[in-house]
Structure formats: C-alpha cells, structure tokens
C-alpha cells in the first residue's frame, strides 16, 4: 500500500472521528495518524518519533499542570 493511499484513508476517516470524539480530539488523532502514515527510514525516523512524543508529553504536562 502506498503512502498516498494511507494518507487518503486517514483523511477520509477524519469526519467520522470528529463526530465520535469531538473536534479537538479528532484533530489530535488525525495529526498523529498522518504522522505515522508516512514512514521515515532509519535513525532519523526514530529521533523524530522520540522528539514528537517528548513534545506531546511536555505539552500535556504543561496543560494539565497549569
């Protein structure tokens, strides 16, 4: 399956996610799904994934802690 079709599937399901979970959570799920639909090879992909997880954790910690 090519990356374009995976991205198309994620975007096609976005309205269903919005109806099921609300606008903010659906946007979050869609962005994360789009990120993981594009595969990044090697160590650079691992570093980018770790950075994304750390950034999301920091953002959640600041939002919940503040």
PDB file of N, CA and C in Angstrom:
ATOM      1  N   UNK A   1       0.856  -1.180   0.000  1.00  0.00           N
ATOM      2  CA  UNK A   1       0.000   0.000   0.000  1.00  0.00           C
ATOM      3  C   UNK A   1       0.899   1.239   0.000  1.00  0.00           C
ATOM      4  N   UNK A   2       0.630   2.180  -0.859  1.00  0.00           N
ATOM      5  CA  UNK A   2       1.469   3.371  -0.958  1.00  0.00           C
ATOM      6  C   UNK A   2       1.109   4.379   0.126  1.00  0.00           C
ATOM      7  N   UNK A   3       2.041   5.305   0.332  1.00  0.00           N
ATOM      8  CA  UNK A   3       1.815   6.328   1.351  1.00  0.00           C
ATOM      9  C   UNK A   3       0.624   7.211   1.011  1.00  0.00           C
ATOM     10  N   UNK A   4       0.409   7.488  -0.292  1.00  0.00           N
ATOM     11  CA  UNK A   4      -0.695   8.356  -0.680  1.00  0.00           C
ATOM     12  C   UNK A   4      -2.043   7.745  -0.304  1.00  0.00           C
ATOM     13  N   UNK A   5      -2.181   6.434  -0.494  1.00  0.00           N
ATOM     14  CA  UNK A   5      -3.460   5.816  -0.156  1.00  0.00           C
ATOM     15  C   UNK A   5      -3.664   5.750   1.357  1.00  0.00           C
ATOM     16  N   UNK A   6      -2.588   5.576   2.114  1.00  0.00           N
ATOM     17  CA  UNK A   6      -2.711   5.580   3.575  1.00  0.00           C
ATOM     18  C   UNK A   6      -3.127   6.954   4.075  1.00  0.00           C
ATOM     19  N   UNK A   7      -2.552   8.001   3.504  1.00  0.00           N
ATOM     20  CA  UNK A   7      -2.931   9.366   3.872  1.00  0.00           C
ATOM     21  C   UNK A   7      -4.386   9.623   3.483  1.00  0.00           C
ATOM     22  N   UNK A   8      -4.791   9.133   2.324  1.00  0.00           N
ATOM     23  CA  UNK A   8      -6.178   9.291   1.891  1.00  0.00           C
ATOM     24  C   UNK A   8      -7.157   8.610   2.824  1.00  0.00           C
ATOM     25  N   UNK A   9      -6.796   7.434   3.317  1.00  0.00           N
ATOM     26  CA  UNK A   9      -7.656   6.722   4.264  1.00  0.00           C
ATOM     27  C   UNK A   9      -7.797   7.503   5.555  1.00  0.00           C
ATOM     28  N   UNK A  10      -6.682   8.042   6.055  1.00  0.00           N
ATOM     29  CA  UNK A  10      -6.723   8.827   7.301  1.00  0.00           C
ATOM     30  C   UNK A  10      -7.616  10.049   7.124  1.00  0.00           C
ATOM     31  N   UNK A  11      -7.436  10.759   6.004  1.00  0.00           N
ATOM     32  CA  UNK A  11      -8.236  11.966   5.776  1.00  0.00           C
ATOM     33  C   UNK A  11      -9.705  11.639   5.527  1.00  0.00           C
ATOM     34  N   UNK A  12      -9.988  10.509   4.910  1.00  0.00           N
ATOM     35  CA  UNK A  12     -11.378  10.120   4.674  1.00  0.00           C
ATOM     36  C   UNK A  12     -12.097   9.797   5.983  1.00  0.00           C
ATOM     37  N   UNK A  13     -11.365   9.305   6.971  1.00  0.00           N
ATOM     38  CA  UNK A  13     -11.974   8.961   8.249  1.00  0.00           C
ATOM     39  C   UNK A  13     -12.049  10.127   9.233  1.00  0.00           C
ATOM     40  N   UNK A  14     -11.480  11.262   8.886  1.00  0.00           N
ATOM     41  CA  UNK A  14     -11.474  12.420   9.786  1.00  0.00           C
ATOM     42  C   UNK A  14     -12.882  12.875  10.192  1.00  0.00           C
ATOM     43  N   UNK A  15     -13.851  12.966   9.271  1.00  0.00           N
ATOM     44  CA  UNK A  15     -15.199  13.384   9.705  1.00  0.00           C
ATOM     45  C   UNK A  15     -15.841  12.400  10.689  1.00  0.00           C
ATOM     46  N   UNK A  16     -15.596  11.127  10.508  1.00  0.00           N
ATOM     47  CA  UNK A  16     -16.141  10.137  11.462  1.00  0.00           C
ATOM     48  C   UNK A  16     -15.530  10.329  12.839  1.00  0.00           C
ATOM     49  N   UNK A  17     -14.230  10.579  12.864  1.00  0.00           N
ATOM     50  CA  UNK A  17     -13.570  10.815  14.153  1.00  0.00           C
ATOM     51  C   UNK A  17     -14.141  12.049  14.837  1.00  0.00           C
ATOM     52  N   UNK A  18     -14.408  13.095  14.044  1.00  0.00           N
ATOM     53  CA  UNK A  18     -14.952  14.325  14.627  1.00  0.00           C
ATOM     54  C   UNK A  18     -16.329  14.083  15.239  1.00  0.00           C
ATOM     55  N   UNK A  19     -17.160  13.315  14.550  1.00  0.00           N
ATOM     56  CA  UNK A  19     -18.492  13.013  15.102  1.00  0.00           C
ATOM     57  C   UNK A  19     -18.393  12.147  16.353  1.00  0.00           C
ATOM     58  N   UNK A  20     -17.411  11.244  16.379  1.00  0.00           N
ATOM     59  CA  UNK A  20     -17.309  10.313  17.502  1.00  0.00           C
ATOM     60  C   UNK A  20     -16.637  10.932  18.726  1.00  0.00           C
ATOM     61  N   UNK A  21     -15.599  11.758  18.508  1.00  0.00           N
ATOM     62  CA  UNK A  21     -14.784  12.214  19.632  1.00  0.00           C
ATOM     63  C   UNK A  21     -14.795  13.713  19.863  1.00  0.00           C
ATOM     64  N   UNK A  22     -15.389  14.475  18.977  1.00  0.00           N
ATOM     65  CA  UNK A  22     -15.337  15.925  19.105  1.00  0.00           C
ATOM     66  C   UNK A  22     -14.188  16.482  18.279  1.00  0.00           C
ATOM     67  N   UNK A  23     -14.213  17.780  18.076  1.00  0.00           N
ATOM     68  CA  UNK A  23     -13.280  18.425  17.159  1.00  0.00           C
ATOM     69  C   UNK A  23     -11.823  18.356  17.625  1.00  0.00           C
ATOM     70  N   UNK A  24     -11.546  18.667  18.876  1.00  0.00           N
ATOM     71  CA  UNK A  24     -10.153  18.729  19.337  1.00  0.00           C
ATOM     72  C   UNK A  24      -9.491  17.358  19.361  1.00  0.00           C
ATOM     73  N   UNK A  25     -10.168  16.385  19.923  1.00  0.00           N
ATOM     74  CA  UNK A  25      -9.591  15.046  19.996  1.00  0.00           C
ATOM     75  C   UNK A  25      -9.458  14.432  18.606  1.00  0.00           C
ATOM     76  N   UNK A  26     -10.423  14.684  17.733  1.00  0.00           N
ATOM     77  CA  UNK A  26     -10.344  14.172  16.361  1.00  0.00           C
ATOM     78  C   UNK A  26      -9.174  14.794  15.617  1.00  0.00           C
ATOM     79  N   UNK A  27      -8.937  16.076  15.824  1.00  0.00           N
ATOM     80  CA  UNK A  27      -7.792  16.732  15.177  1.00  0.00           C
ATOM     81  C   UNK A  27      -6.485  16.130  15.678  1.00  0.00           C
ATOM     82  N   UNK A  28      -6.400  15.880  16.965  1.00  0.00           N
ATOM     83  CA  UNK A  28      -5.198  15.271  17.543  1.00  0.00           C
ATOM     84  C   UNK A  28      -4.965  13.881  16.962  1.00  0.00           C
ATOM     85  N   UNK A  29      -6.004  13.069  16.913  1.00  0.00           N
ATOM     86  CA  UNK A  29      -5.888  11.710  16.376  1.00  0.00           C
ATOM     87  C   UNK A  29      -5.505  11.751  14.900  1.00  0.00           C
ATOM     88  N   UNK A  30      -6.082  12.675  14.147  1.00  0.00           N
ATOM     89  CA  UNK A  30      -5.782  12.782  12.719  1.00  0.00           C
ATOM     90  C   UNK A  30      -4.339  13.193  12.484  1.00  0.00           C
ATOM     91  N   UNK A  31      -3.848  14.158  13.241  1.00  0.00           N
ATOM     92  CA  UNK A  31      -2.461  14.594  13.078  1.00  0.00           C
ATOM     93  C   UNK A  31      -1.497  13.462  13.407  1.00  0.00           C
ATOM     94  N   UNK A  32      -1.745  12.747  14.488  1.00  0.00           N
ATOM     95  CA  UNK A  32      -0.871  11.627  14.862  1.00  0.00           C
ATOM     96  C   UNK A  32      -0.946  10.533  13.801  1.00  0.00           C
ATOM     97  N   UNK A  33      -2.134  10.261  13.296  1.00  0.00           N
ATOM     98  CA  UNK A  33      -2.286   9.236  12.259  1.00  0.00           C
ATOM     99  C   UNK A  33      -1.559   9.626  10.980  1.00  0.00           C
ATOM    100  N   UNK A  34      -1.644  10.897  10.600  1.00  0.00           N
ATOM    101  CA  UNK A  34      -0.924  11.356   9.414  1.00  0.00           C
ATOM    102  C   UNK A  34       0.583  11.259   9.611  1.00  0.00           C
ATOM    103  N   UNK A  35       1.032  11.542  10.811  1.00  0.00           N
ATOM    104  CA  UNK A  35       2.466  11.443  11.094  1.00  0.00           C
ATOM    105  C   UNK A  35       2.945  10.001  10.914  1.00  0.00           C
ATOM    106  N   UNK A  36       2.202   9.055  11.442  1.00  0.00           N
ATOM    107  CA  UNK A  36       2.626   7.662  11.368  1.00  0.00           C
ATOM    108  C   UNK A  36       2.301   7.013  10.022  1.00  0.00           C
ATOM    109  N   UNK A  37       1.459   7.635   9.187  1.00  0.00           N
ATOM    110  CA  UNK A  37       1.191   7.097   7.856  1.00  0.00           C
ATOM    111  C   UNK A  37       2.409   7.243   6.959  1.00  0.00           C
ATOM    112  N   UNK A  38       3.206   8.269   7.181  1.00  0.00           N
ATOM    113  CA  UNK A  38       4.447   8.449   6.431  1.00  0.00           C
ATOM    114  C   UNK A  38       5.580   7.789   7.195  1.00  0.00           C
ATOM    115  N   UNK A  39       6.143   6.783   6.640  1.00  0.00           N
ATOM    116  CA  UNK A  39       7.239   6.068   7.289  1.00  0.00           C
ATOM    117  C   UNK A  39       8.550   6.809   7.043  1.00  0.00           C
ATOM    118  N   UNK A  40       9.322   7.005   8.084  1.00  0.00           N
ATOM    119  CA  UNK A  40      10.640   7.609   7.955  1.00  0.00           C
ATOM    120  C   UNK A  40      11.688   6.530   8.211  1.00  0.00           C
ATOM    121  N   UNK A  41      12.616   6.368   7.320  1.00  0.00           N
ATOM    122  CA  UNK A  41      13.595   5.290   7.473  1.00  0.00           C
ATOM    123  C   UNK A  41      14.713   5.616   8.460  1.00  0.00           C
ATOM    124  N   UNK A  42      15.201   4.601   9.115  1.00  0.00           N
ATOM    125  CA  UNK A  42      16.434   4.681   9.890  1.00  0.00           C
ATOM    126  C   UNK A  42      16.361   5.444  11.189  1.00  0.00           C
ATOM    127  N   UNK A  43      17.543   5.882  11.595  1.00  0.00           N
ATOM    128  CA  UNK A  43      17.701   6.541  12.891  1.00  0.00           C
ATOM    129  C   UNK A  43      17.054   7.916  12.921  1.00  0.00           C
ATOM    130  N   UNK A  44      16.996   8.575  11.783  1.00  0.00           N
ATOM    131  CA  UNK A  44      16.344   9.881  11.739  1.00  0.00           C
ATOM    132  C   UNK A  44      14.864   9.765  12.081  1.00  0.00           C
ATOM    133  N   UNK A  45      14.215   8.721  11.597  1.00  0.00           N
ATOM    134  CA  UNK A  45      12.809   8.494  11.925  1.00  0.00           C
ATOM    135  C   UNK A  45      12.609   8.204  13.396  1.00  0.00           C
ATOM    136  N   UNK A  46      13.518   7.433  13.969  1.00  0.00           N
ATOM    137  CA  UNK A  46      13.440   7.147  15.399  1.00  0.00           C
ATOM    138  C   UNK A  46      13.616   8.417  16.216  1.00  0.00           C
ATOM    139  N   UNK A  47      14.567   9.246  15.826  1.00  0.00           N
ATOM    140  CA  UNK A  47      14.797  10.509  16.526  1.00  0.00           C
ATOM    141  C   UNK A  47      13.587  11.434  16.396  1.00  0.00           C
ATOM    142  N   UNK A  48      13.001  11.497  15.195  1.00  0.00           N
ATOM    143  CA  UNK A  48      11.823  12.347  15.000  1.00  0.00           C
ATOM    144  C   UNK A  48      10.646  11.845  15.827  1.00  0.00           C
ATOM    145  N   UNK A  49      10.470  10.526  15.896  1.00  0.00           N
ATOM    146  CA  UNK A  49       9.378   9.968  16.699  1.00  0.00           C
ATOM    147  C   UNK A  49       9.577  10.269  18.182  1.00  0.00           C
ATOM    148  N   UNK A  50      10.803  10.114  18.657  1.00  0.00           N
ATOM    149  CA  UNK A  50      11.094  10.402  20.065  1.00  0.00           C
ATOM    150  C   UNK A  50      10.861  11.880  20.379  1.00  0.00           C
ATOM    151  N   UNK A  51      11.251  12.748  19.462  1.00  0.00           N
ATOM    152  CA  UNK A  51      11.038  14.178  19.655  1.00  0.00           C
ATOM    153  C   UNK A  51       9.556  14.516  19.699  1.00  0.00           C
ATOM    154  N   UNK A  52       8.776  13.904  18.804  1.00  0.00           N
ATOM    155  CA  UNK A  52       7.332  14.147  18.783  1.00  0.00           C
ATOM    156  C   UNK A  52       6.674  13.700  20.081  1.00  0.00           C
ATOM    157  N   UNK A  53       7.041  12.520  20.546  1.00  0.00           N
ATOM    158  CA  UNK A  53       6.457  12.012  21.794  1.00  0.00           C
ATOM    159  C   UNK A  53       6.840  12.909  22.967  1.00  0.00           C
ATOM    160  N   UNK A  54       8.096  13.342  23.015  1.00  0.00           N
ATOM    161  CA  UNK A  54       8.542  14.225  24.097  1.00  0.00           C
ATOM    162  C   UNK A  54       7.812  15.565  24.045  1.00  0.00           C
ATOM    163  N   UNK A  55       7.628  16.114  22.848  1.00  0.00           N
ATOM    164  CA  UNK A  55       6.928  17.395  22.710  1.00  0.00           C
ATOM    165  C   UNK A  55       5.469  17.274  23.135  1.00  0.00           C
ATOM    166  N   UNK A  56       4.815  16.188  22.745  1.00  0.00           N
ATOM    167  CA  UNK A  56       3.416  15.993  23.150  1.00  0.00           C
ATOM    168  C   UNK A  56       3.297  15.778  24.656  1.00  0.00           C
ATOM    169  N   UNK A  57       4.243  15.047  25.231  1.00  0.00           N
ATOM    170  CA  UNK A  57       4.222  14.837  26.680  1.00  0.00           C
ATOM    171  C   UNK A  57       4.426  16.155  27.425  1.00  0.00           C
ATOM    172  N   UNK A  58       5.347  16.974  26.948  1.00  0.00           N
ATOM    173  CA  UNK A  58       5.585  18.275  27.578  1.00  0.00           C
ATOM    174  C   UNK A  58       4.356  19.166  27.458  1.00  0.00           C
ATOM    175  N   UNK A  59       3.740  19.160  26.300  1.00  0.00           N
ATOM    176  CA  UNK A  59       2.550  19.969  26.097  1.00  0.00           C
ATOM    177  C   UNK A  59       1.413  19.517  27.022  1.00  0.00           C
ATOM    178  N   UNK A  60       1.213  18.204  27.144  1.00  0.00           N
ATOM    179  CA  UNK A  60       0.164  17.692  28.031  1.00  0.00           C
ATOM    180  C   UNK A  60       0.479  18.017  29.482  1.00  0.00           C
ATOM    181  N   UNK A  61       1.737  17.897  29.870  1.00  0.00           N
ATOM    182  CA  UNK A  61       2.139  18.181  31.253  1.00  0.00           C
ATOM    183  C   UNK A  61       1.904  19.643  31.590  1.00  0.00           C
ATOM    184  N   UNK A  62       2.261  20.554  30.666  1.00  0.00           N
ATOM    185  CA  UNK A  62       2.048  21.973  30.908  1.00  0.00           C
ATOM    186  C   UNK A  62       0.564  22.319  30.971  1.00  0.00           C
ATOM    187  N   UNK A  63      -0.225  21.675  30.123  1.00  0.00           N
ATOM    188  CA  UNK A  63      -1.667  21.957  30.108  1.00  0.00           C
ATOM    189  C   UNK A  63      -2.344  21.441  31.366  1.00  0.00           C
ATOM    190  N   UNK A  64      -1.995  20.224  31.782  1.00  0.00           N
ATOM    191  CA  UNK A  64      -2.635  19.646  32.961  1.00  0.00           C
ATOM    192  C   UNK A  64      -2.085  20.226  34.255  1.00  0.00           C
ATOM    193  N   UNK A  65      -0.808  20.556  34.269  1.00  0.00           N
ATOM    194  CA  UNK A  65      -0.189  21.081  35.482  1.00  0.00           C
ATOM    195  C   UNK A  65      -0.518  22.539  35.733  1.00  0.00           C
ATOM    196  N   UNK A  66      -0.852  23.264  34.688  1.00  0.00           N
ATOM    197  CA  UNK A  66      -1.067  24.711  34.810  1.00  0.00           C
ATOM    198  C   UNK A  66      -2.438  25.049  35.066  1.00  0.00           C
TER     199      UNK A  66
END
